[in-house]
């Protein structure tokens, strides 16, 4: 006769990367905002491409009561957004 051992219920936690709300800035002016997701977390000082524009991550801040993070990307002066 076979005996089966019942395993206790397992809780599996899936950790996913946070979503971001971004601001693209040229000098002190906010020129674009939006949402994005990414497989790897951002690092302050990292060079990134957002919507085809190269910039540097200047800050990453949590949003109170939300899973999203605010990320500010400073655009290079030589790569302005086209209107």
PDB file of N, CA and C in Angstrom:
ATOM      1  N   UNK A   1       0.851  -1.166   0.000  1.00  0.00           N
ATOM      2  CA  UNK A   1       0.000   0.000   0.000  1.00  0.00           C
ATOM      3  C   UNK A   1       0.900   1.234   0.000  1.00  0.00           C
ATOM      4  N   UNK A   2       0.650   2.163  -0.908  1.00  0.00           N
ATOM      5  CA  UNK A   2       1.450   3.384  -1.004  1.00  0.00           C
ATOM      6  C   UNK A   2       0.999   4.388   0.039  1.00  0.00           C
ATOM      7  N   UNK A   3       1.966   5.093   0.550  1.00  0.00           N
ATOM      8  CA  UNK A   3       1.649   6.152   1.518  1.00  0.00           C
ATOM      9  C   UNK A   3       2.005   7.489   0.898  1.00  0.00           C
ATOM     10  N   UNK A   4       1.173   8.431   1.069  1.00  0.00           N
ATOM     11  CA  UNK A   4       1.389   9.778   0.549  1.00  0.00           C
ATOM     12  C   UNK A   4       1.523  10.739   1.712  1.00  0.00           C
ATOM     13  N   UNK A   5       2.492  11.574   1.584  1.00  0.00           N
ATOM     14  CA  UNK A   5       2.692  12.600   2.607  1.00  0.00           C
ATOM     15  C   UNK A   5       2.153  13.915   2.073  1.00  0.00           C
ATOM     16  N   UNK A   6       1.307  14.514   2.822  1.00  0.00           N
ATOM     17  CA  UNK A   6       0.769  15.811   2.402  1.00  0.00           C
ATOM     18  C   UNK A   6       1.780  16.891   2.738  1.00  0.00           C
ATOM     19  N   UNK A   7       2.077  17.710   1.764  1.00  0.00           N
ATOM     20  CA  UNK A   7       2.989  18.821   2.002  1.00  0.00           C
ATOM     21  C   UNK A   7       2.167  20.031   2.415  1.00  0.00           C
ATOM     22  N   UNK A   8       2.696  20.810   3.329  1.00  0.00           N
ATOM     23  CA  UNK A   8       1.951  22.011   3.725  1.00  0.00           C
ATOM     24  C   UNK A   8       1.832  22.959   2.530  1.00  0.00           C
ATOM     25  N   UNK A   9       0.807  23.769   2.587  1.00  0.00           N
ATOM     26  CA  UNK A   9       0.626  24.755   1.512  1.00  0.00           C
ATOM     27  C   UNK A   9       1.848  25.644   1.424  1.00  0.00           C
ATOM     28  N   UNK A  10       2.260  25.903   0.206  1.00  0.00           N
ATOM     29  CA  UNK A  10       3.409  26.782  -0.014  1.00  0.00           C
ATOM     30  C   UNK A  10       2.918  28.152  -0.447  1.00  0.00           C
ATOM     31  N   UNK A  11       3.578  29.147   0.019  1.00  0.00           N
ATOM     32  CA  UNK A  11       3.304  30.505  -0.417  1.00  0.00           C
ATOM     33  C   UNK A  11       4.440  30.918  -1.335  1.00  0.00           C
ATOM     34  N   UNK A  12       4.106  31.224  -2.552  1.00  0.00           N
ATOM     35  CA  UNK A  12       5.112  31.651  -3.513  1.00  0.00           C
ATOM     36  C   UNK A  12       4.955  33.143  -3.723  1.00  0.00           C
ATOM     37  N   UNK A  13       6.011  33.850  -3.468  1.00  0.00           N
ATOM     38  CA  UNK A  13       6.008  35.291  -3.653  1.00  0.00           C
ATOM     39  C   UNK A  13       6.722  35.615  -4.946  1.00  0.00           C
ATOM     40  N   UNK A  14       6.036  36.313  -5.807  1.00  0.00           N
ATOM     41  CA  UNK A  14       6.646  36.736  -7.060  1.00  0.00           C
ATOM     42  C   UNK A  14       7.086  38.175  -6.890  1.00  0.00           C
ATOM     43  N   UNK A  15       8.372  38.375  -7.034  1.00  0.00           N
ATOM     44  CA  UNK A  15       8.915  39.721  -6.907  1.00  0.00           C
ATOM     45  C   UNK A  15       9.093  40.276  -8.307  1.00  0.00           C
ATOM     46  N   UNK A  16       8.409  41.351  -8.585  1.00  0.00           N
ATOM     47  CA  UNK A  16       8.550  41.969  -9.895  1.00  0.00           C
ATOM     48  C   UNK A  16       9.178  43.343  -9.724  1.00  0.00           C
ATOM     49  N   UNK A  17       9.757  43.808 -10.790  1.00  0.00           N
ATOM     50  CA  UNK A  17      10.389  45.119 -10.743  1.00  0.00           C
ATOM     51  C   UNK A  17       9.298  46.186 -10.674  1.00  0.00           C
ATOM     52  N   UNK A  18       9.595  47.281 -10.029  1.00  0.00           N
ATOM     53  CA  UNK A  18       8.590  48.338  -9.933  1.00  0.00           C
ATOM     54  C   UNK A  18       8.375  49.022 -11.275  1.00  0.00           C
ATOM     55  N   UNK A  19       7.217  49.618 -11.405  1.00  0.00           N
ATOM     56  CA  UNK A  19       6.946  50.472 -12.547  1.00  0.00           C
ATOM     57  C   UNK A  19       7.437  51.863 -12.194  1.00  0.00           C
ATOM     58  N   UNK A  20       7.662  52.645 -13.208  1.00  0.00           N
ATOM     59  CA  UNK A  20       8.189  53.988 -13.004  1.00  0.00           C
ATOM     60  C   UNK A  20       7.289  55.028 -13.641  1.00  0.00           C
ATOM     61  N   UNK A  21       7.225  56.187 -13.018  1.00  0.00           N
ATOM     62  CA  UNK A  21       6.679  57.398 -13.626  1.00  0.00           C
ATOM     63  C   UNK A  21       7.894  58.273 -13.874  1.00  0.00           C
ATOM     64  N   UNK A  22       8.087  58.650 -15.117  1.00  0.00           N
ATOM     65  CA  UNK A  22       9.297  59.411 -15.412  1.00  0.00           C
ATOM     66  C   UNK A  22       8.994  60.846 -15.783  1.00  0.00           C
ATOM     67  N   UNK A  23       9.982  61.683 -15.544  1.00  0.00           N
ATOM     68  CA  UNK A  23      10.008  63.073 -16.008  1.00  0.00           C
ATOM     69  C   UNK A  23      11.281  63.237 -16.819  1.00  0.00           C
ATOM     70  N   UNK A  24      11.153  63.715 -18.037  1.00  0.00           N
ATOM     71  CA  UNK A  24      12.323  64.090 -18.819  1.00  0.00           C
ATOM     72  C   UNK A  24      12.502  65.586 -18.633  1.00  0.00           C
ATOM     73  N   UNK A  25      13.703  65.991 -18.289  1.00  0.00           N
ATOM     74  CA  UNK A  25      13.976  67.411 -18.050  1.00  0.00           C
ATOM     75  C   UNK A  25      15.093  67.895 -18.952  1.00  0.00           C
ATOM     76  N   UNK A  26      14.911  69.092 -19.438  1.00  0.00           N
ATOM     77  CA  UNK A  26      15.937  69.794 -20.201  1.00  0.00           C
ATOM     78  C   UNK A  26      16.204  71.064 -19.416  1.00  0.00           C
ATOM     79  N   UNK A  27      17.392  71.166 -18.842  1.00  0.00           N
ATOM     80  CA  UNK A  27      17.712  72.212 -17.862  1.00  0.00           C
ATOM     81  C   UNK A  27      16.730  72.026 -16.689  1.00  0.00           C
ATOM     82  N   UNK A  28      15.988  73.072 -16.312  1.00  0.00           N
ATOM     83  CA  UNK A  28      15.038  72.958 -15.197  1.00  0.00           C
ATOM     84  C   UNK A  28      13.608  72.718 -15.663  1.00  0.00           C
ATOM     85  N   UNK A  29      13.407  72.593 -16.964  1.00  0.00           N
ATOM     86  CA  UNK A  29      12.061  72.454 -17.522  1.00  0.00           C
ATOM     87  C   UNK A  29      11.693  70.982 -17.726  1.00  0.00           C
ATOM     88  N   UNK A  30      10.491  70.606 -17.261  1.00  0.00           N
ATOM     89  CA  UNK A  30       9.969  69.267 -17.528  1.00  0.00           C
ATOM     90  C   UNK A  30       9.398  69.295 -18.939  1.00  0.00           C
ATOM     91  N   UNK A  31       9.980  68.464 -19.831  1.00  0.00           N
ATOM     92  CA  UNK A  31       9.557  68.481 -21.230  1.00  0.00           C
ATOM     93  C   UNK A  31       8.703  67.272 -21.608  1.00  0.00           C
ATOM     94  N   UNK A  32       8.675  66.251 -20.780  1.00  0.00           N
ATOM     95  CA  UNK A  32       7.835  65.084 -21.051  1.00  0.00           C
ATOM     96  C   UNK A  32       7.675  64.267 -19.783  1.00  0.00           C
ATOM     97  N   UNK A  33       6.541  63.578 -19.686  1.00  0.00           N
ATOM     98  CA  UNK A  33       6.282  62.664 -18.575  1.00  0.00           C
ATOM     99  C   UNK A  33       5.664  61.392 -19.144  1.00  0.00           C
ATOM    100  N   UNK A  34       5.713  60.334 -18.372  1.00  0.00           N
ATOM    101  CA  UNK A  34       5.097  59.093 -18.817  1.00  0.00           C
ATOM    102  C   UNK A  34       5.339  57.965 -17.847  1.00  0.00           C
ATOM    103  N   UNK A  35       4.963  56.781 -18.269  1.00  0.00           N
ATOM    104  CA  UNK A  35       5.121  55.571 -17.469  1.00  0.00           C
ATOM    105  C   UNK A  35       6.005  54.598 -18.227  1.00  0.00           C
ATOM    106  N   UNK A  36       6.772  53.803 -17.494  1.00  0.00           N
ATOM    107  CA  UNK A  36       7.547  52.753 -18.132  1.00  0.00           C
ATOM    108  C   UNK A  36       7.843  51.651 -17.140  1.00  0.00           C
ATOM    109  N   UNK A  37       8.175  50.492 -17.685  1.00  0.00           N
ATOM    110  CA  UNK A  37       8.631  49.366 -16.873  1.00  0.00           C
ATOM    111  C   UNK A  37       9.999  48.956 -17.406  1.00  0.00           C
ATOM    112  N   UNK A  38      10.717  48.240 -16.593  1.00  0.00           N
ATOM    113  CA  UNK A  38      12.072  47.850 -16.971  1.00  0.00           C
ATOM    114  C   UNK A  38      12.435  46.580 -16.222  1.00  0.00           C
ATOM    115  N   UNK A  39      13.196  45.713 -16.862  1.00  0.00           N
ATOM    116  CA  UNK A  39      13.590  44.454 -16.232  1.00  0.00           C
ATOM    117  C   UNK A  39      14.602  44.659 -15.108  1.00  0.00           C
ATOM    118  N   UNK A  40      15.457  45.647 -15.252  1.00  0.00           N
ATOM    119  CA  UNK A  40      16.484  45.946 -14.246  1.00  0.00           C
ATOM    120  C   UNK A  40      16.164  47.291 -13.594  1.00  0.00           C
ATOM    121  N   UNK A  41      16.473  47.449 -12.316  1.00  0.00           N
ATOM    122  CA  UNK A  41      16.211  48.741 -11.670  1.00  0.00           C
ATOM    123  C   UNK A  41      17.138  49.828 -12.210  1.00  0.00           C
ATOM    124  N   UNK A  42      16.673  51.063 -12.159  1.00  0.00           N
ATOM    125  CA  UNK A  42      17.501  52.205 -12.533  1.00  0.00           C
ATOM    126  C   UNK A  42      18.503  52.489 -11.429  1.00  0.00           C
ATOM    127  N   UNK A  43      19.625  53.096 -11.794  1.00  0.00           N
ATOM    128  CA  UNK A  43      20.608  53.584 -10.844  1.00  0.00           C
ATOM    129  C   UNK A  43      20.827  55.068 -11.104  1.00  0.00           C
ATOM    130  N   UNK A  44      20.945  55.847 -10.050  1.00  0.00           N
ATOM    131  CA  UNK A  44      21.258  57.272 -10.207  1.00  0.00           C
ATOM    132  C   UNK A  44      22.607  57.389 -10.895  1.00  0.00           C
ATOM    133  N   UNK A  45      22.675  58.257 -11.904  1.00  0.00           N
ATOM    134  CA  UNK A  45      23.901  58.453 -12.665  1.00  0.00           C
ATOM    135  C   UNK A  45      23.978  57.602 -13.915  1.00  0.00           C
ATOM    136  N   UNK A  46      23.065  56.674 -14.056  1.00  0.00           N
ATOM    137  CA  UNK A  46      23.040  55.780 -15.215  1.00  0.00           C
ATOM    138  C   UNK A  46      22.606  56.538 -16.473  1.00  0.00           C
ATOM    139  N   UNK A  47      23.264  56.257 -17.584  1.00  0.00           N
ATOM    140  CA  UNK A  47      22.852  56.803 -18.877  1.00  0.00           C
ATOM    141  C   UNK A  47      21.747  55.908 -19.429  1.00  0.00           C
ATOM    142  N   UNK A  48      20.630  56.511 -19.821  1.00  0.00           N
ATOM    143  CA  UNK A  48      19.481  55.751 -20.309  1.00  0.00           C
ATOM    144  C   UNK A  48      18.937  56.384 -21.580  1.00  0.00           C
ATOM    145  N   UNK A  49      18.151  55.617 -22.304  1.00  0.00           N
ATOM    146  CA  UNK A  49      17.434  56.121 -23.472  1.00  0.00           C
ATOM    147  C   UNK A  49      15.948  55.972 -23.181  1.00  0.00           C
ATOM    148  N   UNK A  50      15.227  57.092 -23.198  1.00  0.00           N
ATOM    149  CA  UNK A  50      13.784  57.090 -22.976  1.00  0.00           C
ATOM    150  C   UNK A  50      13.149  57.754 -24.188  1.00  0.00           C
ATOM    151  N   UNK A  51      12.265  57.037 -24.837  1.00  0.00           N
ATOM    152  CA  UNK A  51      11.601  57.550 -26.041  1.00  0.00           C
ATOM    153  C   UNK A  51      12.589  58.070 -27.072  1.00  0.00           C
ATOM    154  N   UNK A  52      13.716  57.402 -27.198  1.00  0.00           N
ATOM    155  CA  UNK A  52      14.702  57.767 -28.207  1.00  0.00           C
ATOM    156  C   UNK A  52      15.624  58.903 -27.816  1.00  0.00           C
ATOM    157  N   UNK A  53      15.548  59.376 -26.591  1.00  0.00           N
ATOM    158  CA  UNK A  53      16.379  60.482 -26.129  1.00  0.00           C
ATOM    159  C   UNK A  53      17.311  60.015 -25.021  1.00  0.00           C
ATOM    160  N   UNK A  54      18.583  60.393 -25.135  1.00  0.00           N
ATOM    161  CA  UNK A  54      19.600  59.988 -24.168  1.00  0.00           C
ATOM    162  C   UNK A  54      19.596  60.954 -22.993  1.00  0.00           C
ATOM    163  N   UNK A  55      19.638  60.386 -21.794  1.00  0.00           N
ATOM    164  CA  UNK A  55      19.688  61.214 -20.596  1.00  0.00           C
ATOM    165  C   UNK A  55      20.383  60.482 -19.464  1.00  0.00           C
ATOM    166  N   UNK A  56      20.462  61.155 -18.338  1.00  0.00           N
ATOM    167  CA  UNK A  56      21.091  60.608 -17.140  1.00  0.00           C
ATOM    168  C   UNK A  56      20.067  60.598 -16.015  1.00  0.00           C
ATOM    169  N   UNK A  57      19.958  59.462 -15.328  1.00  0.00           N
ATOM    170  CA  UNK A  57      19.032  59.350 -14.200  1.00  0.00           C
ATOM    171  C   UNK A  57      19.561  60.234 -13.067  1.00  0.00           C
ATOM    172  N   UNK A  58      18.756  61.206 -12.671  1.00  0.00           N
ATOM    173  CA  UNK A  58      19.157  62.145 -11.616  1.00  0.00           C
ATOM    174  C   UNK A  58      18.584  61.789 -10.253  1.00  0.00           C
ATOM    175  N   UNK A  59      17.379  61.207 -10.224  1.00  0.00           N
ATOM    176  CA  UNK A  59      16.804  60.818  -8.930  1.00  0.00           C
ATOM    177  C   UNK A  59      15.777  59.713  -9.135  1.00  0.00           C
ATOM    178  N   UNK A  60      15.623  58.925  -8.072  1.00  0.00           N
ATOM    179  CA  UNK A  60      14.623  57.862  -8.019  1.00  0.00           C
ATOM    180  C   UNK A  60      13.979  57.965  -6.647  1.00  0.00           C
ATOM    181  N   UNK A  61      12.679  58.182  -6.622  1.00  0.00           N
ATOM    182  CA  UNK A  61      11.977  58.386  -5.355  1.00  0.00           C
ATOM    183  C   UNK A  61      10.737  57.499  -5.295  1.00  0.00           C
ATOM    184  N   UNK A  62      10.430  56.941  -4.113  1.00  0.00           N
ATOM    185  CA  UNK A  62       9.194  56.159  -3.980  1.00  0.00           C
ATOM    186  C   UNK A  62       7.978  57.078  -3.990  1.00  0.00           C
ATOM    187  N   UNK A  63       6.858  56.538  -4.441  1.00  0.00           N
ATOM    188  CA  UNK A  63       5.580  57.257  -4.389  1.00  0.00           C
ATOM    189  C   UNK A  63       4.817  56.741  -3.177  1.00  0.00           C
ATOM    190  N   UNK A  64       4.393  57.628  -2.339  1.00  0.00           N
ATOM    191  CA  UNK A  64       3.711  57.263  -1.105  1.00  0.00           C
ATOM    192  C   UNK A  64       2.471  56.415  -1.394  1.00  0.00           C
ATOM    193  N   UNK A  65       2.429  55.221  -0.834  1.00  0.00           N
ATOM    194  CA  UNK A  65       1.274  54.348  -0.963  1.00  0.00           C
ATOM    195  C   UNK A  65       1.138  53.669  -2.317  1.00  0.00           C
ATOM    196  N   UNK A  66       2.154  53.755  -3.167  1.00  0.00           N
ATOM    197  CA  UNK A  66       2.085  53.133  -4.487  1.00  0.00           C
ATOM    198  C   UNK A  66       3.319  52.279  -4.733  1.00  0.00           C
ATOM    199  N   UNK A  67       3.199  51.391  -5.708  1.00  0.00           N
ATOM    200  CA  UNK A  67       4.311  50.525  -6.069  1.00  0.00           C
ATOM    201  C   UNK A  67       5.249  51.209  -7.059  1.00  0.00           C
ATOM    202  N   UNK A  68       4.762  52.256  -7.712  1.00  0.00           N
ATOM    203  CA  UNK A  68       5.577  52.967  -8.695  1.00  0.00           C
ATOM    204  C   UNK A  68       6.646  53.824  -8.022  1.00  0.00           C
ATOM    205  N   UNK A  69       7.699  54.072  -8.779  1.00  0.00           N
ATOM    206  CA  UNK A  69       8.750  54.985  -8.353  1.00  0.00           C
ATOM    207  C   UNK A  69       8.805  56.147  -9.335  1.00  0.00           C
ATOM    208  N   UNK A  70       9.125  57.323  -8.827  1.00  0.00           N
ATOM    209  CA  UNK A  70       9.364  58.484  -9.688  1.00  0.00           C
ATOM    210  C   UNK A  70      10.822  58.484 -10.093  1.00  0.00           C
ATOM    211  N   UNK A  71      11.080  58.640 -11.385  1.00  0.00           N
ATOM    212  CA  UNK A  71      12.455  58.738 -11.861  1.00  0.00           C
ATOM    213  C   UNK A  71      12.571  60.013 -12.696  1.00  0.00           C
ATOM    214  N   UNK A  72      13.600  60.791 -12.401  1.00  0.00           N
ATOM    215  CA  UNK A  72      13.874  62.020 -13.145  1.00  0.00           C
ATOM    216  C   UNK A  72      15.076  61.762 -14.035  1.00  0.00           C
ATOM    217  N   UNK A  73      14.904  62.014 -15.348  1.00  0.00           N
ATOM    218  CA  UNK A  73      15.967  61.833 -16.324  1.00  0.00           C
ATOM    219  C   UNK A  73      16.308  63.192 -16.915  1.00  0.00           C
ATOM    220  N   UNK A  74      17.556  63.595 -16.757  1.00  0.00           N
ATOM    221  CA  UNK A  74      18.049  64.858 -17.295  1.00  0.00           C
ATOM    222  C   UNK A  74      18.556  64.622 -18.705  1.00  0.00           C
ATOM    223  N   UNK A  75      17.943  65.305 -19.683  1.00  0.00           N
ATOM    224  CA  UNK A  75      18.370  65.162 -21.072  1.00  0.00           C
ATOM    225  C   UNK A  75      19.630  65.971 -21.325  1.00  0.00           C
ATOM    226  N   UNK A  76      20.392  65.497 -22.308  1.00  0.00           N
ATOM    227  CA  UNK A  76      21.571  66.250 -22.732  1.00  0.00           C
ATOM    228  C   UNK A  76      21.096  67.474 -23.508  1.00  0.00           C
ATOM    229  N   UNK A  77      21.771  68.584 -23.349  1.00  0.00           N
ATOM    230  CA  UNK A  77      21.391  69.821 -24.037  1.00  0.00           C
ATOM    231  C   UNK A  77      21.482  69.658 -25.547  1.00  0.00           C
ATOM    232  N   UNK A  78      22.403  68.807 -26.017  1.00  0.00           N
ATOM    233  CA  UNK A  78      22.549  68.605 -27.456  1.00  0.00           C
ATOM    234  C   UNK A  78      21.519  67.647 -28.034  1.00  0.00           C
ATOM    235  N   UNK A  79      20.618  67.111 -27.214  1.00  0.00           N
ATOM    236  CA  UNK A  79      19.595  66.191 -27.691  1.00  0.00           C
ATOM    237  C   UNK A  79      18.207  66.679 -27.275  1.00  0.00           C
ATOM    238  N   UNK A  80      17.808  67.894 -27.696  1.00  0.00           N
ATOM    239  CA  UNK A  80      16.500  68.412 -27.272  1.00  0.00           C
ATOM    240  C   UNK A  80      15.354  67.648 -27.910  1.00  0.00           C
ATOM    241  N   UNK A  81      14.207  67.671 -27.255  1.00  0.00           N
ATOM    242  CA  UNK A  81      13.017  67.045 -27.826  1.00  0.00           C
ATOM    243  C   UNK A  81      12.522  67.870 -28.994  1.00  0.00           C
ATOM    244  N   UNK A  82      12.069  67.190 -30.026  1.00  0.00           N
ATOM    245  CA  UNK A  82      11.465  67.891 -31.152  1.00  0.00           C
ATOM    246  C   UNK A  82      10.004  68.099 -30.868  1.00  0.00           C
ATOM    247  N   UNK A  83       9.465  69.207 -31.311  1.00  0.00           N
ATOM    248  CA  UNK A  83       8.051  69.481 -31.087  1.00  0.00           C
ATOM    249  C   UNK A  83       7.215  69.128 -32.273  1.00  0.00           C
TER     250      UNK A  83
END
